[in-house]
Amino acid sequence: MADVGKFILRVLKERKKSLRQLARESGVSNSYLSQLTRGLFKPAPEILIKLAPHLGVTPSKMFEEAGWLKPKARKRIKGNGKGGGRFR
């Protein structure tokens, strides 16, 4: 199982936000978020959808981090069709 809790903590740290701020903004209780970030359970999709905009990510990114979606493949650019293209 992917660790969405660690992802949430990493994003919060990058954005200099606290778990309490996220709880207040998203309407998800602080105790729920605390248990989630400690990896005690896998959250419901509805919770990830609620949290995503307050973390500045898409719901699909949250689903990837939770292990429900495969990460998107990188797009090939400036390829000649012979495998020599670059990726972004």
PDB file of N, CA and C in Angstrom:
ATOM      1  N   MET A   1       0.842  -1.179   0.000  1.00  0.00           N
ATOM      2  CA  MET A   1       0.000   0.000   0.000  1.00  0.00           C
ATOM      3  C   MET A   1       0.887   1.242   0.000  1.00  0.00           C
ATOM      4  N   ALA A   2       0.569   2.164  -0.859  1.00  0.00           N
ATOM      5  CA  ALA A   2       1.305   3.423  -0.917  1.00  0.00           C
ATOM      6  C   ALA A   2       1.019   4.213   0.362  1.00  0.00           C
ATOM      7  N   ASP A   3       1.910   5.104   0.714  1.00  0.00           N
ATOM      8  CA  ASP A   3       1.745   5.840   1.959  1.00  0.00           C
ATOM      9  C   ASP A   3       1.313   7.276   1.691  1.00  0.00           C
ATOM     10  N   VAL A   4       0.017   7.472   1.577  1.00  0.00           N
ATOM     11  CA  VAL A   4      -0.539   8.795   1.321  1.00  0.00           C
ATOM     12  C   VAL A   4      -0.304   9.711   2.515  1.00  0.00           C
ATOM     13  N   GLY A   5      -0.204   9.161   3.698  1.00  0.00           N
ATOM     14  CA  GLY A   5       0.048   9.968   4.892  1.00  0.00           C
ATOM     15  C   GLY A   5       1.379  10.693   4.833  1.00  0.00           C
ATOM     16  N   LYS A   6       2.419   9.988   4.412  1.00  0.00           N
ATOM     17  CA  LYS A   6       3.736  10.614   4.274  1.00  0.00           C
ATOM     18  C   LYS A   6       3.711  11.691   3.200  1.00  0.00           C
ATOM     19  N   PHE A   7       2.971  11.435   2.121  1.00  0.00           N
ATOM     20  CA  PHE A   7       2.837  12.422   1.052  1.00  0.00           C
ATOM     21  C   PHE A   7       2.185  13.697   1.600  1.00  0.00           C
ATOM     22  N   ILE A   8       1.112  13.539   2.359  1.00  0.00           N
ATOM     23  CA  ILE A   8       0.409  14.697   2.936  1.00  0.00           C
ATOM     24  C   ILE A   8       1.361  15.496   3.829  1.00  0.00           C
ATOM     25  N   LEU A   9       2.107  14.813   4.672  1.00  0.00           N
ATOM     26  CA  LEU A   9       3.049  15.502   5.554  1.00  0.00           C
ATOM     27  C   LEU A   9       4.129  16.234   4.773  1.00  0.00           C
ATOM     28  N   ARG A  10       4.615  15.609   3.697  1.00  0.00           N
ATOM     29  CA  ARG A  10       5.643  16.241   2.866  1.00  0.00           C
ATOM     30  C   ARG A  10       5.113  17.522   2.221  1.00  0.00           C
ATOM     31  N   VAL A  11       3.890  17.451   1.690  1.00  0.00           N
ATOM     32  CA  VAL A  11       3.298  18.632   1.043  1.00  0.00           C
ATOM     33  C   VAL A  11       3.051  19.728   2.076  1.00  0.00           C
ATOM     34  N   LEU A  12       2.562  19.354   3.242  1.00  0.00           N
ATOM     35  CA  LEU A  12       2.339  20.346   4.291  1.00  0.00           C
ATOM     36  C   LEU A  12       3.644  21.051   4.671  1.00  0.00           C
ATOM     37  N   LYS A  13       4.707  20.286   4.785  1.00  0.00           N
ATOM     38  CA  LYS A  13       6.008  20.868   5.129  1.00  0.00           C
ATOM     39  C   LYS A  13       6.476  21.826   4.044  1.00  0.00           C
ATOM     40  N   GLU A  14       6.327  21.418   2.770  1.00  0.00           N
ATOM     41  CA  GLU A  14       6.732  22.271   1.652  1.00  0.00           C
ATOM     42  C   GLU A  14       5.943  23.578   1.633  1.00  0.00           C
ATOM     43  N   ARG A  15       4.682  23.504   2.006  1.00  0.00           N
ATOM     44  CA  ARG A  15       3.804  24.681   1.977  1.00  0.00           C
ATOM     45  C   ARG A  15       3.765  25.422   3.310  1.00  0.00           C
ATOM     46  N   LYS A  16       4.581  24.940   4.261  1.00  0.00           N
ATOM     47  CA  LYS A  16       4.652  25.553   5.590  1.00  0.00           C
ATOM     48  C   LYS A  16       3.267  25.677   6.228  1.00  0.00           C
ATOM     49  N   LYS A  17       2.537  24.560   6.181  1.00  0.00           N
ATOM     50  CA  LYS A  17       1.209  24.465   6.776  1.00  0.00           C
ATOM     51  C   LYS A  17       1.229  23.401   7.858  1.00  0.00           C
ATOM     52  N   SER A  18       0.335  23.539   8.810  1.00  0.00           N
ATOM     53  CA  SER A  18       0.225  22.528   9.856  1.00  0.00           C
ATOM     54  C   SER A  18      -0.946  21.595   9.567  1.00  0.00           C
ATOM     55  N   LEU A  19      -0.947  20.476  10.260  1.00  0.00           N
ATOM     56  CA  LEU A  19      -2.054  19.531  10.157  1.00  0.00           C
ATOM     57  C   LEU A  19      -3.353  20.191  10.624  1.00  0.00           C
ATOM     58  N   ARG A  20      -3.246  21.012  11.657  1.00  0.00           N
ATOM     59  CA  ARG A  20      -4.431  21.721  12.158  1.00  0.00           C
ATOM     60  C   ARG A  20      -4.996  22.683  11.120  1.00  0.00           C
ATOM     61  N   GLN A  21      -4.108  23.373  10.401  1.00  0.00           N
ATOM     62  CA  GLN A  21      -4.573  24.278   9.341  1.00  0.00           C
ATOM     63  C   GLN A  21      -5.313  23.494   8.264  1.00  0.00           C
ATOM     64  N   LEU A  22      -4.736  22.358   7.866  1.00  0.00           N
ATOM     65  CA  LEU A  22      -5.378  21.521   6.854  1.00  0.00           C
ATOM     66  C   LEU A  22      -6.742  21.048   7.351  1.00  0.00           C
ATOM     67  N   ALA A  23      -6.819  20.664   8.600  1.00  0.00           N
ATOM     68  CA  ALA A  23      -8.087  20.210   9.174  1.00  0.00           C
ATOM     69  C   ALA A  23      -9.124  21.326   9.125  1.00  0.00           C
ATOM     70  N   ARG A  24      -8.720  22.505   9.538  1.00  0.00           N
ATOM     71  CA  ARG A  24      -9.631  23.650   9.556  1.00  0.00           C
ATOM     72  C   ARG A  24     -10.116  24.004   8.147  1.00  0.00           C
ATOM     73  N   GLU A  25      -9.188  24.044   7.192  1.00  0.00           N
ATOM     74  CA  GLU A  25      -9.526  24.428   5.813  1.00  0.00           C
ATOM     75  C   GLU A  25     -10.384  23.382   5.105  1.00  0.00           C
ATOM     76  N   SER A  26     -10.102  22.113   5.346  1.00  0.00           N
ATOM     77  CA  SER A  26     -10.761  21.041   4.596  1.00  0.00           C
ATOM     78  C   SER A  26     -12.038  20.530   5.253  1.00  0.00           C
ATOM     79  N   GLY A  27     -12.188  20.784   6.548  1.00  0.00           N
ATOM     80  CA  GLY A  27     -13.348  20.249   7.259  1.00  0.00           C
ATOM     81  C   GLY A  27     -13.168  18.807   7.698  1.00  0.00           C
ATOM     82  N   VAL A  28     -11.968  18.277   7.553  1.00  0.00           N
ATOM     83  CA  VAL A  28     -11.644  16.918   8.016  1.00  0.00           C
ATOM     84  C   VAL A  28     -11.022  17.062   9.401  1.00  0.00           C
ATOM     85  N   SER A  29     -11.466  16.278  10.350  1.00  0.00           N
ATOM     86  CA  SER A  29     -11.007  16.461  11.730  1.00  0.00           C
ATOM     87  C   SER A  29      -9.503  16.254  11.873  1.00  0.00           C
ATOM     88  N   ASN A  30      -8.936  16.978  12.828  1.00  0.00           N
ATOM     89  CA  ASN A  30      -7.510  16.871  13.109  1.00  0.00           C
ATOM     90  C   ASN A  30      -7.144  15.451  13.544  1.00  0.00           C
ATOM     91  N   SER A  31      -8.002  14.825  14.342  1.00  0.00           N
ATOM     92  CA  SER A  31      -7.692  13.471  14.810  1.00  0.00           C
ATOM     93  C   SER A  31      -7.690  12.481  13.644  1.00  0.00           C
ATOM     94  N   TYR A  32      -8.611  12.641  12.701  1.00  0.00           N
ATOM     95  CA  TYR A  32      -8.644  11.777  11.516  1.00  0.00           C
ATOM     96  C   TYR A  32      -7.358  11.954  10.717  1.00  0.00           C
ATOM     97  N   LEU A  33      -6.967  13.215  10.492  1.00  0.00           N
ATOM     98  CA  LEU A  33      -5.749  13.483   9.723  1.00  0.00           C
ATOM     99  C   LEU A  33      -4.513  12.942  10.443  1.00  0.00           C
ATOM    100  N   SER A  34      -4.497  13.056  11.747  1.00  0.00           N
ATOM    101  CA  SER A  34      -3.374  12.545  12.512  1.00  0.00           C
ATOM    102  C   SER A  34      -3.234  11.032  12.342  1.00  0.00           C
ATOM    103  N   GLN A  35      -4.347  10.328  12.424  1.00  0.00           N
ATOM    104  CA  GLN A  35      -4.317   8.871  12.245  1.00  0.00           C
ATOM    105  C   GLN A  35      -3.933   8.504  10.815  1.00  0.00           C
ATOM    106  N   LEU A  36      -4.437   9.274   9.861  1.00  0.00           N
ATOM    107  CA  LEU A  36      -4.122   9.033   8.446  1.00  0.00           C
ATOM    108  C   LEU A  36      -2.632   9.202   8.186  1.00  0.00           C
ATOM    109  N   THR A  37      -2.045  10.277   8.705  1.00  0.00           N
ATOM    110  CA  THR A  37      -0.625  10.532   8.453  1.00  0.00           C
ATOM    111  C   THR A  37       0.286   9.550   9.183  1.00  0.00           C
ATOM    112  N   ARG A  38      -0.236   8.889  10.195  1.00  0.00           N
ATOM    113  CA  ARG A  38       0.541   7.847  10.885  1.00  0.00           C
ATOM    114  C   ARG A  38       0.366   6.481  10.223  1.00  0.00           C
ATOM    115  N   GLY A  39      -0.434   6.432   9.159  1.00  0.00           N
ATOM    116  CA  GLY A  39      -0.602   5.186   8.414  1.00  0.00           C
ATOM    117  C   GLY A  39      -1.492   4.162   9.078  1.00  0.00           C
ATOM    118  N   LEU A  40      -2.401   4.626   9.925  1.00  0.00           N
ATOM    119  CA  LEU A  40      -3.256   3.681  10.648  1.00  0.00           C
ATOM    120  C   LEU A  40      -4.382   3.116   9.788  1.00  0.00           C
ATOM    121  N   PHE A  41      -4.713   3.792   8.688  1.00  0.00           N
ATOM    122  CA  PHE A  41      -5.741   3.281   7.783  1.00  0.00           C
ATOM    123  C   PHE A  41      -5.629   3.965   6.436  1.00  0.00           C
ATOM    124  N   LYS A  42      -6.312   3.408   5.471  1.00  0.00           N
ATOM    125  CA  LYS A  42      -6.379   3.981   4.129  1.00  0.00           C
ATOM    126  C   LYS A  42      -7.652   4.832   4.063  1.00  0.00           C
ATOM    127  N   PRO A  43      -7.549   6.086   3.674  1.00  0.00           N
ATOM    128  CA  PRO A  43      -8.710   6.974   3.691  1.00  0.00           C
ATOM    129  C   PRO A  43      -9.710   6.663   2.585  1.00  0.00           C
ATOM    130  N   ALA A  44     -10.925   7.107   2.812  1.00  0.00           N
ATOM    131  CA  ALA A  44     -11.970   6.982   1.795  1.00  0.00           C
ATOM    132  C   ALA A  44     -11.674   7.960   0.656  1.00  0.00           C
ATOM    133  N   PRO A  45     -12.074   7.633  -0.563  1.00  0.00           N
ATOM    134  CA  PRO A  45     -11.844   8.533  -1.700  1.00  0.00           C
ATOM    135  C   PRO A  45     -12.407   9.937  -1.465  1.00  0.00           C
ATOM    136  N   GLU A  46     -13.549  10.014  -0.788  1.00  0.00           N
ATOM    137  CA  GLU A  46     -14.171  11.316  -0.538  1.00  0.00           C
ATOM    138  C   GLU A  46     -13.264  12.223   0.295  1.00  0.00           C
ATOM    139  N   ILE A  47     -12.529  11.637   1.213  1.00  0.00           N
ATOM    140  CA  ILE A  47     -11.609  12.413   2.049  1.00  0.00           C
ATOM    141  C   ILE A  47     -10.454  12.941   1.212  1.00  0.00           C
ATOM    142  N   LEU A  48      -9.910  12.096   0.350  1.00  0.00           N
ATOM    143  CA  LEU A  48      -8.804  12.541  -0.506  1.00  0.00           C
ATOM    144  C   LEU A  48      -9.249  13.667  -1.430  1.00  0.00           C
ATOM    145  N   ILE A  49     -10.468  13.577  -1.930  1.00  0.00           N
ATOM    146  CA  ILE A  49     -11.016  14.630  -2.793  1.00  0.00           C
ATOM    147  C   ILE A  49     -11.156  15.934  -2.001  1.00  0.00           C
ATOM    148  N   LYS A  50     -11.575  15.840  -0.750  1.00  0.00           N
ATOM    149  CA  LYS A  50     -11.695  17.028   0.103  1.00  0.00           C
ATOM    150  C   LYS A  50     -10.339  17.663   0.388  1.00  0.00           C
ATOM    151  N   LEU A  51      -9.324  16.856   0.591  1.00  0.00           N
ATOM    152  CA  LEU A  51      -8.003  17.361   0.967  1.00  0.00           C
ATOM    153  C   LEU A  51      -7.228  17.946  -0.209  1.00  0.00           C
ATOM    154  N   ALA A  52      -7.407  17.386  -1.389  1.00  0.00           N
ATOM    155  CA  ALA A  52      -6.588  17.746  -2.553  1.00  0.00           C
ATOM    156  C   ALA A  52      -6.456  19.250  -2.796  1.00  0.00           C
ATOM    157  N   PRO A  53      -7.558  20.009  -2.894  1.00  0.00           N
ATOM    158  CA  PRO A  53      -7.385  21.442  -3.203  1.00  0.00           C
ATOM    159  C   PRO A  53      -6.653  22.215  -2.108  1.00  0.00           C
ATOM    160  N   HIS A  54      -6.735  21.767  -0.883  1.00  0.00           N
ATOM    161  CA  HIS A  54      -6.070  22.451   0.229  1.00  0.00           C
ATOM    162  C   HIS A  54      -4.591  22.102   0.306  1.00  0.00           C
ATOM    163  N   LEU A  55      -4.199  21.059  -0.426  1.00  0.00           N
ATOM    164  CA  LEU A  55      -2.786  20.693  -0.540  1.00  0.00           C
ATOM    165  C   LEU A  55      -2.191  21.196  -1.851  1.00  0.00           C
ATOM    166  N   GLY A  56      -3.041  21.720  -2.725  1.00  0.00           N
ATOM    167  CA  GLY A  56      -2.562  22.221  -4.013  1.00  0.00           C
ATOM    168  C   GLY A  56      -2.260  21.127  -5.016  1.00  0.00           C
ATOM    169  N   VAL A  57      -2.944  19.991  -4.889  1.00  0.00           N
ATOM    170  CA  VAL A  57      -2.752  18.882  -5.825  1.00  0.00           C
ATOM    171  C   VAL A  57      -4.111  18.443  -6.365  1.00  0.00           C
ATOM    172  N   THR A  58      -4.088  17.629  -7.390  1.00  0.00           N
ATOM    173  CA  THR A  58      -5.332  17.120  -7.962  1.00  0.00           C
ATOM    174  C   THR A  58      -5.800  15.885  -7.194  1.00  0.00           C
ATOM    175  N   PRO A  59      -7.098  15.608  -7.253  1.00  0.00           N
ATOM    176  CA  PRO A  59      -7.574  14.360  -6.646  1.00  0.00           C
ATOM    177  C   PRO A  59      -6.869  13.139  -7.231  1.00  0.00           C
ATOM    178  N   SER A  60      -6.580  13.162  -8.536  1.00  0.00           N
ATOM    179  CA  SER A  60      -5.908  12.004  -9.135  1.00  0.00           C
ATOM    180  C   SER A  60      -4.511  11.801  -8.540  1.00  0.00           C
ATOM    181  N   LYS A  61      -3.824  12.896  -8.199  1.00  0.00           N
ATOM    182  CA  LYS A  61      -2.514  12.771  -7.539  1.00  0.00           C
ATOM    183  C   LYS A  61      -2.674  12.113  -6.174  1.00  0.00           C
ATOM    184  N   MET A  62      -3.721  12.483  -5.456  1.00  0.00           N
ATOM    185  CA  MET A  62      -3.986  11.867  -4.153  1.00  0.00           C
ATOM    186  C   MET A  62      -4.269  10.374  -4.320  1.00  0.00           C
ATOM    187  N   PHE A  63      -5.026  10.018  -5.365  1.00  0.00           N
ATOM    188  CA  PHE A  63      -5.335   8.604  -5.617  1.00  0.00           C
ATOM    189  C   PHE A  63      -4.067   7.837  -5.981  1.00  0.00           C
ATOM    190  N   GLU A  64      -3.156   8.469  -6.741  1.00  0.00           N
ATOM    191  CA  GLU A  64      -1.876   7.830  -7.068  1.00  0.00           C
ATOM    192  C   GLU A  64      -1.094   7.548  -5.784  1.00  0.00           C
ATOM    193  N   GLU A  65      -1.039   8.546  -4.912  1.00  0.00           N
ATOM    194  CA  GLU A  65      -0.280   8.396  -3.661  1.00  0.00           C
ATOM    195  C   GLU A  65      -0.901   7.344  -2.748  1.00  0.00           C
ATOM    196  N   ALA A  66      -2.217   7.175  -2.844  1.00  0.00           N
ATOM    197  CA  ALA A  66      -2.905   6.156  -2.037  1.00  0.00           C
ATOM    198  C   ALA A  66      -2.770   4.770  -2.663  1.00  0.00           C
ATOM    199  N   GLY A  67      -2.237   4.710  -3.888  1.00  0.00           N
ATOM    200  CA  GLY A  67      -2.045   3.436  -4.557  1.00  0.00           C
ATOM    201  C   GLY A  67      -3.246   2.959  -5.353  1.00  0.00           C
ATOM    202  N   TRP A  68      -4.204   3.850  -5.599  1.00  0.00           N
ATOM    203  CA  TRP A  68      -5.406   3.466  -6.338  1.00  0.00           C
ATOM    204  C   TRP A  68      -5.288   3.711  -7.833  1.00  0.00           C
ATOM    205  N   LEU A  69      -4.366   4.568  -8.244  1.00  0.00           N
ATOM    206  CA  LEU A  69      -4.118   4.828  -9.665  1.00  0.00           C
ATOM    207  C   LEU A  69      -2.637   4.663  -9.937  1.00  0.00           C
ATOM    208  N   LYS A  70      -2.315   4.238 -11.145  1.00  0.00           N
ATOM    209  CA  LYS A  70      -0.915   4.190 -11.549  1.00  0.00           C
ATOM    210  C   LYS A  70      -0.475   5.607 -11.883  1.00  0.00           C
ATOM    211  N   PRO A  71       0.785   5.948 -11.579  1.00  0.00           N
ATOM    212  CA  PRO A  71       1.277   7.280 -11.960  1.00  0.00           C
ATOM    213  C   PRO A  71       1.175   7.472 -13.466  1.00  0.00           C
ATOM    214  N   LYS A  72       0.875   8.702 -13.869  1.00  0.00           N
ATOM    215  CA  LYS A  72       0.750   9.001 -15.295  1.00  0.00           C
ATOM    216  C   LYS A  72       2.095   8.824 -15.978  1.00  0.00           C
ATOM    217  N   ALA A  73       2.043   8.297 -17.178  1.00  0.00           N
ATOM    218  CA  ALA A  73       3.263   8.140 -17.961  1.00  0.00           C
ATOM    219  C   ALA A  73       3.728   9.515 -18.434  1.00  0.00           C
ATOM    220  N   ARG A  74       5.032   9.671 -18.509  1.00  0.00           N
ATOM    221  CA  ARG A  74       5.573  10.936 -19.011  1.00  0.00           C
ATOM    222  C   ARG A  74       5.241  11.067 -20.492  1.00  0.00           C
ATOM    223  N   LYS A  75       5.016  12.297 -20.935  1.00  0.00           N
ATOM    224  CA  LYS A  75       4.684  12.541 -22.336  1.00  0.00           C
ATOM    225  C   LYS A  75       5.960  12.649 -23.158  1.00  0.00           C
ATOM    226  N   ARG A  76       5.950  12.030 -24.307  1.00  0.00           N
ATOM    227  CA  ARG A  76       7.086  12.096 -25.213  1.00  0.00           C
ATOM    228  C   ARG A  76       6.972  13.377 -26.031  1.00  0.00           C
ATOM    229  N   ILE A  77       8.076  14.110 -26.150  1.00  0.00           N
ATOM    230  CA  ILE A  77       8.087  15.316 -26.965  1.00  0.00           C
ATOM    231  C   ILE A  77       9.249  15.257 -27.945  1.00  0.00           C
ATOM    232  N   LYS A  78       9.064  15.884 -29.072  1.00  0.00           N
ATOM    233  CA  LYS A  78      10.103  15.981 -30.104  1.00  0.00           C
ATOM    234  C   LYS A  78      10.672  14.625 -30.488  1.00  0.00           C
ATOM    235  N   GLY A  79       9.823  13.640 -30.574  1.00  0.00           N
ATOM    236  CA  GLY A  79      10.293  12.323 -30.982  1.00  0.00           C
ATOM    237  C   GLY A  79      10.202  12.167 -32.488  1.00  0.00           C
ATOM    238  N   ASN A  80      11.029  11.314 -33.037  1.00  0.00           N
ATOM    239  CA  ASN A  80      10.997  11.047 -34.464  1.00  0.00           C
ATOM    240  C   ASN A  80      10.335   9.705 -34.760  1.00  0.00           C
ATOM    241  N   GLY A  81       9.753   9.107 -33.736  1.00  0.00           N
ATOM    242  CA  GLY A  81       9.088   7.827 -33.923  1.00  0.00           C
ATOM    243  C   GLY A  81      10.021   6.635 -33.866  1.00  0.00           C
ATOM    244  N   LYS A  82      11.304   6.889 -33.642  1.00  0.00           N
ATOM    245  CA  LYS A  82      12.287   5.798 -33.616  1.00  0.00           C
ATOM    246  C   LYS A  82      12.880   5.609 -32.231  1.00  0.00           C
ATOM    247  N   GLY A  83      12.188   6.102 -31.216  1.00  0.00           N
ATOM    248  CA  GLY A  83      12.662   5.890 -29.849  1.00  0.00           C
ATOM    249  C   GLY A  83      13.687   6.896 -29.375  1.00  0.00           C
ATOM    250  N   GLY A  84      13.936   7.936 -30.153  1.00  0.00           N
ATOM    251  CA  GLY A  84      14.952   8.912 -29.764  1.00  0.00           C
ATOM    252  C   GLY A  84      14.393  10.164 -29.143  1.00  0.00           C
ATOM    253  N   GLY A  85      13.128  10.193 -28.842  1.00  0.00           N
ATOM    254  CA  GLY A  85      12.514  11.405 -28.284  1.00  0.00           C
ATOM    255  C   GLY A  85      12.889  11.636 -26.835  1.00  0.00           C
ATOM    256  N   ARG A  86      12.684  12.848 -26.398  1.00  0.00           N
ATOM    257  CA  ARG A  86      12.926  13.182 -24.992  1.00  0.00           C
ATOM    258  C   ARG A  86      11.617  13.074 -24.236  1.00  0.00           C
ATOM    259  N   PHE A  87      11.738  12.983 -22.926  1.00  0.00           N
ATOM    260  CA  PHE A  87      10.558  12.908 -22.071  1.00  0.00           C
ATOM    261  C   PHE A  87      10.527  14.117 -21.164  1.00  0.00           C
ATOM    262  N   ARG A  88       9.340  14.483 -20.741  1.00  0.00           N
ATOM    263  CA  ARG A  88       9.219  15.525 -19.716  1.00  0.00           C
ATOM    264  C   ARG A  88       8.418  15.007 -18.577  1.00  0.00           C
TER     265      ARG A  88
END
